[in-house]
Amino acid sequence: MRPLHRLSTRLLVVFFGITLFWGCASAPRNEPRSAPQPELLEEAEERIERGASEGSGSDPLPEKADAEARPSFLYRIEGGLSDSYLLGTIHLGVGFYENLGPEALEQIGTSRVIYTELSSDPDTAEIAAQFFLGEGAELRALLGEARFERLASRVSSLPREYLNRLKPWAALVFASVQEYQQYQLQIGGDPSVSMDTELQAFAKERGIPNVGLETAKEQLDAFEAIALAEVIALVDELVDRPLFEEARALLEAYRSGDEAALLEALDMERSRERAPAYYEKLLRARNHRWLETLGPELKEGAITVGVGAAHLFYEDGLIKLIEDAGYNVVKLP
């Protein structure tokens, strides 16, 4: 049995805001010939900047939410000087306005600060620099020829020479993101839509400060902590499963607004049992670090926290941590 039997790439789409910058960016415009690292860095930085700008809310925002918005993972935090709100997002495939009704938007719109995983203006050069292997290293050698070719066939928009220079975790993220994008196209959706970037744009339009709970480097360091053997297991799981199986399961569970359905899709209990160190880096350590930042803000109240929905649940989730700090957390309809 593989050590990460069900610890699949679906977690990346609800754990890491950094997927937004891959998700919104288009494929590289030209295949690099000799692929020197400075050129790759420049191209990667351009990709990230395109992703950030395309998801930054430069287009006019809807004047109001859909009156028939789906159930959401929005919670009210009671016990501060004013109520605050906790929003569990999915980083790709579902829109902010698609998921929230007018009343929810009004509540979030009263916030004095909106916290997201990353700020809306991360250092794109810093992000790009961490995607690539060191000089002379190749992904093909790390994964093996057969596995590399299977992954490359799954990532059709990325030239092999570009893929070959990515770190294993970066290649895994790109492959996972592309699957979600392709699934959105298949069902007639928008592959670049993101709750997180639309929430940031909402904050900007309303004049509400948007603060990141961690830097891009801190988030990427969590990826770096994943052992190569674990990444390889995830790559094997990705290339072995039917195309769109995972994207369909997670998006349907999220859109249902049902906690039990989402937890079943994520299967995080098994993930924690099979790979406790991975679970620690992805979830527990980050949640506790975020709570240190949020503690004084929750006392004052009137904040909104929007993070990947997987961060909300279990004993190390933000809901339990916030409740343990003396607050009452109530799921809203």
Protein backbone atom coordinates (compact mmCIF):
# COMPACT_ATOMS: atom_id res chain seq x y z
CA MET A 1 0.00 0.00 0.00
CA ARG A 2 1.34 3.42 -0.90
CA PRO A 3 2.06 5.63 2.13
CA LEU A 4 -0.21 8.37 0.77
CA HIS A 5 -3.01 6.09 -0.38
CA ARG A 6 -5.67 8.79 -0.32
CA LEU A 7 -3.61 11.89 0.40
CA SER A 8 -4.34 13.22 -3.04
CA THR A 9 -3.80 16.43 -4.93
CA ARG A 10 -7.34 17.58 -4.10
CA LEU A 11 -5.83 18.79 -0.81
CA LEU A 12 -3.61 21.20 -2.71
CA VAL A 13 -6.65 23.00 -4.10
CA VAL A 14 -8.07 23.63 -0.64
CA PHE A 15 -4.83 24.02 1.32
CA PHE A 16 -2.69 26.36 -0.74
CA GLY A 17 -3.58 29.81 -2.01
CA ILE A 18 -0.45 29.70 -4.15
CA THR A 19 -2.40 27.49 -6.59
CA LEU A 20 -4.26 30.64 -7.62
CA PHE A 21 -1.25 32.00 -9.44
CA TRP A 22 -0.89 28.82 -11.46
CA GLY A 23 -4.63 28.56 -11.96
CA CYS A 24 -5.17 32.00 -13.46
CA ALA A 25 -2.07 32.05 -15.64
CA SER A 26 -2.04 30.74 -19.18
CA ALA A 27 0.48 28.27 -20.56
CA PRO A 28 3.99 29.41 -21.49
CA ARG A 29 4.01 31.25 -24.77
CA ASN A 30 7.20 29.72 -26.20
CA GLU A 31 8.95 26.44 -25.51
CA PRO A 32 12.45 27.15 -24.19
CA ARG A 33 15.24 25.60 -26.27
CA SER A 34 18.19 25.19 -23.93
CA ALA A 35 16.04 26.32 -20.96
CA PRO A 36 18.61 28.33 -18.99
CA GLN A 37 17.30 29.01 -15.51
CA PRO A 38 17.26 32.86 -15.73
CA GLU A 39 14.93 32.67 -18.74
CA LEU A 40 12.70 30.18 -16.98
CA LEU A 41 12.57 32.39 -13.91
CA GLU A 42 11.56 35.36 -16.03
CA GLU A 43 8.85 33.36 -17.79
CA ALA A 44 7.55 31.94 -14.52
CA GLU A 45 7.39 35.41 -13.01
CA GLU A 46 5.41 36.63 -16.03
CA ARG A 47 3.01 33.69 -15.63
CA ILE A 48 2.43 34.50 -11.98
CA GLU A 49 1.96 38.20 -12.67
CA ARG A 50 -0.59 37.36 -15.37
CA GLY A 51 -2.38 35.06 -12.95
CA ALA A 52 -2.45 37.68 -10.22
CA SER A 53 -3.71 40.42 -12.51
CA GLU A 54 -6.34 38.21 -14.18
CA GLY A 55 -7.71 37.29 -10.77
CA SER A 56 -7.30 40.68 -9.13
CA GLY A 57 -10.71 42.05 -9.87
CA SER A 58 -9.73 44.48 -12.62
CA ASP A 59 -13.05 43.70 -14.31
CA PRO A 60 -16.18 45.27 -12.82
CA LEU A 61 -17.56 43.26 -9.92
CA PRO A 62 -21.20 42.17 -9.80
CA GLU A 63 -23.39 44.74 -8.10
CA LYS A 64 -25.03 42.03 -6.03
CA ALA A 65 -24.78 38.33 -5.39
CA ASP A 66 -26.92 35.73 -7.09
CA ALA A 67 -30.23 35.62 -5.22
CA GLU A 68 -30.07 31.81 -5.50
CA ALA A 69 -26.51 31.46 -4.22
CA ARG A 70 -25.56 27.94 -3.18
CA PRO A 71 -25.00 26.89 0.43
CA SER A 72 -21.56 27.99 1.57
CA PHE A 73 -18.97 27.34 4.24
CA LEU A 74 -19.49 30.70 5.95
CA TYR A 75 -19.41 30.89 9.75
CA ARG A 76 -20.12 33.67 12.22
CA ILE A 77 -17.64 34.06 15.10
CA GLU A 78 -19.35 35.38 18.22
CA GLY A 79 -17.67 36.63 21.37
CA GLY A 80 -15.54 39.57 20.26
CA LEU A 81 -16.55 43.19 20.58
CA SER A 82 -18.24 42.65 17.20
CA ASP A 83 -19.02 39.48 15.26
CA SER A 84 -16.44 38.23 12.78
CA TYR A 85 -16.76 35.78 9.87
CA LEU A 86 -14.85 32.71 8.74
CA LEU A 87 -15.17 31.64 5.09
CA GLY A 88 -13.89 28.28 3.89
CA THR A 89 -12.93 28.67 0.23
CA ILE A 90 -11.92 26.45 -2.62
CA HIS A 91 -9.10 28.10 -4.50
CA LEU A 92 -10.23 27.14 -8.02
CA GLY A 93 -13.52 26.40 -9.73
CA VAL A 94 -16.09 28.25 -7.59
CA GLY A 95 -16.72 31.99 -7.58
CA PHE A 96 -17.16 34.22 -4.54
CA TYR A 97 -20.41 35.75 -5.84
CA GLU A 98 -21.64 32.40 -7.12
CA ASN A 99 -21.34 30.96 -3.62
CA LEU A 100 -22.63 33.79 -1.39
CA GLY A 101 -25.99 35.52 -1.21
CA PRO A 102 -26.71 39.24 -0.68
CA GLU A 103 -27.00 38.91 3.11
CA ALA A 104 -23.62 37.19 3.36
CA LEU A 105 -22.01 39.86 1.20
CA GLU A 106 -23.49 42.56 3.39
CA GLN A 107 -22.08 40.89 6.50
CA ILE A 108 -18.61 40.50 5.01
CA GLY A 109 -18.79 44.05 3.69
CA THR A 110 -18.91 45.41 7.25
CA SER A 111 -15.45 43.99 8.01
CA ARG A 112 -12.69 46.36 9.06
CA VAL A 113 -10.05 43.86 7.78
CA ILE A 114 -10.27 40.88 5.43
CA TYR A 115 -7.63 38.20 5.96
CA THR A 116 -6.70 35.75 3.21
CA GLU A 117 -3.93 33.17 3.01
CA LEU A 118 -1.78 35.47 0.88
CA SER A 119 -2.02 39.18 0.23
CA SER A 120 -3.22 40.31 -3.19
CA ASP A 121 0.25 41.54 -4.17
CA PRO A 122 2.79 38.80 -3.37
CA ASP A 123 6.40 38.97 -4.53
CA THR A 124 6.15 37.19 -7.88
CA ALA A 125 9.92 36.94 -8.27
CA GLU A 126 10.15 35.20 -4.91
CA ILE A 127 7.44 32.75 -5.90
CA ALA A 128 8.98 31.98 -9.30
CA ALA A 129 12.44 31.36 -7.86
CA GLN A 130 11.17 28.51 -5.70
CA PHE A 131 9.52 26.59 -8.55
CA PHE A 132 12.72 25.43 -10.22
CA LEU A 133 15.36 22.80 -9.58
CA GLY A 134 18.97 23.81 -9.14
CA GLU A 135 21.36 24.03 -12.07
CA GLY A 136 21.86 20.69 -13.78
CA ALA A 137 19.00 18.95 -11.96
CA GLU A 138 16.10 17.50 -13.95
CA LEU A 139 12.64 16.34 -12.97
CA ARG A 140 12.96 13.48 -15.47
CA ALA A 141 15.84 12.03 -13.45
CA LEU A 142 14.04 12.44 -10.13
CA LEU A 143 10.79 10.82 -11.27
CA GLY A 144 12.16 8.29 -13.73
CA GLU A 145 11.58 8.32 -17.48
CA ALA A 146 8.28 6.44 -17.55
CA ARG A 147 6.69 8.42 -14.72
CA PHE A 148 7.89 11.72 -16.19
CA GLU A 149 6.35 10.90 -19.58
CA ARG A 150 3.02 9.95 -18.00
CA LEU A 151 2.98 13.21 -16.07
CA ALA A 152 3.95 15.19 -19.18
CA SER A 153 1.08 13.67 -21.14
CA ARG A 154 -1.26 14.77 -18.34
CA VAL A 155 0.05 18.35 -18.49
CA SER A 156 -0.53 19.00 -22.17
CA SER A 157 -0.18 22.80 -21.99
CA LEU A 158 3.34 22.73 -20.56
CA PRO A 159 6.36 22.04 -22.83
CA ARG A 160 8.45 19.10 -21.64
CA GLU A 161 11.60 21.20 -21.30
CA TYR A 162 9.78 23.58 -18.97
CA LEU A 163 8.27 20.71 -16.98
CA ASN A 164 11.68 19.05 -16.72
CA ARG A 165 13.11 22.00 -14.77
CA LEU A 166 10.30 22.22 -12.21
CA LYS A 167 10.68 20.87 -8.70
CA PRO A 168 8.57 17.74 -8.18
CA TRP A 169 6.00 19.50 -5.99
CA ALA A 170 5.69 22.38 -8.47
CA ALA A 171 5.03 19.96 -11.32
CA LEU A 172 2.45 18.21 -9.17
CA VAL A 173 0.67 21.48 -8.40
CA PHE A 174 0.60 22.49 -12.05
CA ALA A 175 -0.78 19.11 -13.12
CA SER A 176 -3.48 19.24 -10.45
CA VAL A 177 -4.47 22.80 -11.33
CA GLN A 178 -4.66 22.00 -15.05
CA GLU A 179 -7.04 19.12 -14.34
CA TYR A 180 -9.39 21.45 -12.47
CA GLN A 181 -9.18 23.98 -15.31
CA GLN A 182 -9.95 21.36 -17.94
CA TYR A 183 -12.88 20.05 -15.94
CA GLN A 184 -14.31 23.56 -15.66
CA LEU A 185 -14.09 23.95 -19.43
CA GLN A 186 -15.77 20.58 -19.93
CA ILE A 187 -18.79 21.60 -17.83
CA GLY A 188 -18.96 25.07 -19.37
CA GLY A 189 -17.40 26.90 -16.42
CA ASP A 190 -14.69 29.53 -16.14
CA PRO A 191 -11.31 27.85 -15.47
CA SER A 192 -9.81 30.99 -13.94
CA VAL A 193 -12.58 31.74 -11.42
CA SER A 194 -11.42 31.85 -7.81
CA MET A 195 -13.22 32.67 -4.58
CA ASP A 196 -10.03 33.98 -3.02
CA THR A 197 -9.13 36.48 -5.71
CA GLU A 198 -12.74 37.66 -5.94
CA LEU A 199 -12.81 38.10 -2.16
CA GLN A 200 -9.64 40.19 -2.42
CA ALA A 201 -11.20 42.24 -5.22
CA PHE A 202 -14.33 42.69 -3.08
CA ALA A 203 -12.15 44.03 -0.26
CA LYS A 204 -10.41 46.43 -2.62
CA GLU A 205 -13.68 47.74 -4.06
CA ARG A 206 -15.11 48.30 -0.58
CA GLY A 207 -11.92 49.94 0.67
CA ILE A 208 -11.35 47.18 3.24
CA PRO A 209 -7.70 46.33 4.01
CA ASN A 210 -6.66 42.87 2.78
CA VAL A 211 -3.94 41.22 4.87
CA GLY A 212 -2.18 37.93 4.12
CA LEU A 213 -1.87 35.39 6.94
CA GLU A 214 1.45 34.19 5.55
CA THR A 215 4.00 35.17 2.94
CA ALA A 216 4.45 33.35 -0.34
CA LYS A 217 7.76 32.01 0.97
CA GLU A 218 6.13 30.60 4.10
CA GLN A 219 3.51 28.87 1.99
CA LEU A 220 6.05 27.51 -0.47
CA ASP A 221 8.25 26.30 2.37
CA ALA A 222 5.41 23.94 3.30
CA PHE A 223 5.70 22.41 -0.17
CA GLU A 224 9.47 22.18 0.17
CA ALA A 225 9.03 20.12 3.34
CA ILE A 226 7.32 17.30 1.42
CA ALA A 227 9.72 14.37 0.96
CA LEU A 228 10.40 13.28 -2.63
CA ALA A 229 8.98 9.81 -1.96
CA GLU A 230 5.69 11.35 -0.88
CA VAL A 231 5.53 13.61 -3.93
CA ILE A 232 6.23 10.62 -6.19
CA ALA A 233 3.37 8.74 -4.53
CA LEU A 234 1.09 11.70 -5.25
CA VAL A 235 2.26 11.83 -8.87
CA ASP A 236 1.50 8.12 -9.24
CA GLU A 237 -1.96 8.63 -7.80
CA LEU A 238 -2.62 11.55 -10.13
CA VAL A 239 -1.59 9.77 -13.34
CA ASP A 240 -3.31 6.50 -12.36
CA ARG A 241 -6.77 7.90 -11.71
CA PRO A 242 -9.34 8.70 -14.42
CA LEU A 243 -9.18 12.26 -15.69
CA PHE A 244 -11.57 14.62 -13.83
CA GLU A 245 -12.56 12.04 -11.17
CA GLU A 246 -11.02 14.06 -8.36
CA ALA A 247 -12.06 17.49 -9.64
CA ARG A 248 -15.66 16.35 -9.99
CA ALA A 249 -15.79 14.82 -6.49
CA LEU A 250 -14.33 17.81 -4.70
CA LEU A 251 -16.25 20.50 -6.57
CA GLU A 252 -19.57 18.70 -6.12
CA ALA A 253 -18.91 18.26 -2.40
CA TYR A 254 -17.93 21.89 -1.96
CA ARG A 255 -20.92 23.21 -3.88
CA SER A 256 -23.25 21.13 -1.72
CA GLY A 257 -22.31 23.26 1.30
CA ASP A 258 -22.44 20.08 3.40
CA GLU A 259 -19.59 19.55 5.86
CA ALA A 260 -19.93 15.76 5.88
CA ALA A 261 -19.81 15.57 2.08
CA LEU A 262 -16.72 17.76 1.91
CA LEU A 263 -14.91 15.82 4.63
CA GLU A 264 -15.66 12.57 2.82
CA ALA A 265 -14.25 13.98 -0.41
CA LEU A 266 -11.09 15.20 1.33
CA ASP A 267 -10.65 12.01 3.39
CA MET A 268 -8.31 13.89 5.73
CA GLU A 269 -8.53 11.38 8.58
CA ARG A 270 -6.84 8.75 6.44
CA SER A 271 -4.35 11.35 5.23
CA ARG A 272 -3.36 12.11 8.80
CA GLU A 273 -2.94 8.41 9.61
CA ARG A 274 -0.89 7.62 6.52
CA ALA A 275 1.34 10.69 6.45
CA PRO A 276 1.38 12.50 9.80
CA ALA A 277 4.41 14.65 8.96
CA TYR A 278 2.80 15.83 5.73
CA TYR A 279 -0.44 16.60 7.55
CA GLU A 280 1.53 18.51 10.18
CA LYS A 281 3.20 20.77 7.62
CA LEU A 282 0.10 21.35 5.52
CA LEU A 283 -2.47 21.88 8.19
CA ARG A 284 -1.70 21.89 11.90
CA ALA A 285 1.38 24.11 11.96
CA ARG A 286 -0.12 26.68 9.61
CA ASN A 287 -3.44 26.85 11.47
CA HIS A 288 -1.76 27.43 14.82
CA ARG A 289 0.50 30.08 13.31
CA TRP A 290 -2.48 31.85 11.78
CA LEU A 291 -4.37 31.81 15.06
CA GLU A 292 -1.51 33.69 16.72
CA THR A 293 -2.08 36.48 14.20
CA LEU A 294 -5.86 36.35 14.44
CA GLY A 295 -6.13 36.19 18.24
CA PRO A 296 -6.01 39.95 18.99
CA GLU A 297 -8.10 40.70 15.91
CA LEU A 298 -10.89 38.35 16.97
CA LYS A 299 -11.12 40.11 20.32
CA GLU A 300 -11.80 43.39 18.57
CA GLY A 301 -14.02 41.66 16.03
CA ALA A 302 -15.41 42.82 12.68
CA ILE A 303 -12.94 40.81 10.59
CA THR A 304 -13.44 38.22 7.86
CA VAL A 305 -11.02 35.31 7.41
CA GLY A 306 -11.10 33.55 4.04
CA VAL A 307 -8.91 30.42 3.77
CA GLY A 308 -9.07 27.01 2.11
CA ALA A 309 -11.98 25.01 3.52
CA ALA A 310 -9.78 22.11 4.63
CA HIS A 311 -8.26 24.41 7.25
CA LEU A 312 -11.57 24.63 9.11
CA PHE A 313 -12.15 21.11 10.38
CA TYR A 314 -10.99 18.51 12.93
CA GLU A 315 -9.27 19.23 16.24
CA ASP A 316 -6.49 21.16 14.51
CA GLY A 317 -8.92 23.12 12.35
CA LEU A 318 -9.62 26.81 12.75
CA ILE A 319 -13.19 26.25 13.95
CA LYS A 320 -12.02 24.13 16.90
CA LEU A 321 -9.04 26.39 17.65
CA ILE A 322 -11.23 29.50 17.65
CA GLU A 323 -13.81 27.79 19.87
CA ASP A 324 -11.05 26.71 22.27
CA ALA A 325 -10.01 30.36 22.48
CA GLY A 326 -13.44 31.17 23.94
CA TYR A 327 -15.54 32.08 20.91
CA ASN A 328 -18.76 30.61 19.53
CA VAL A 329 -18.62 29.57 15.87
CA VAL A 330 -21.96 29.19 14.04
CA LYS A 331 -22.41 27.91 10.48
CA LEU A 332 -24.65 30.23 8.47
CA PRO A 333 -27.29 28.97 6.02
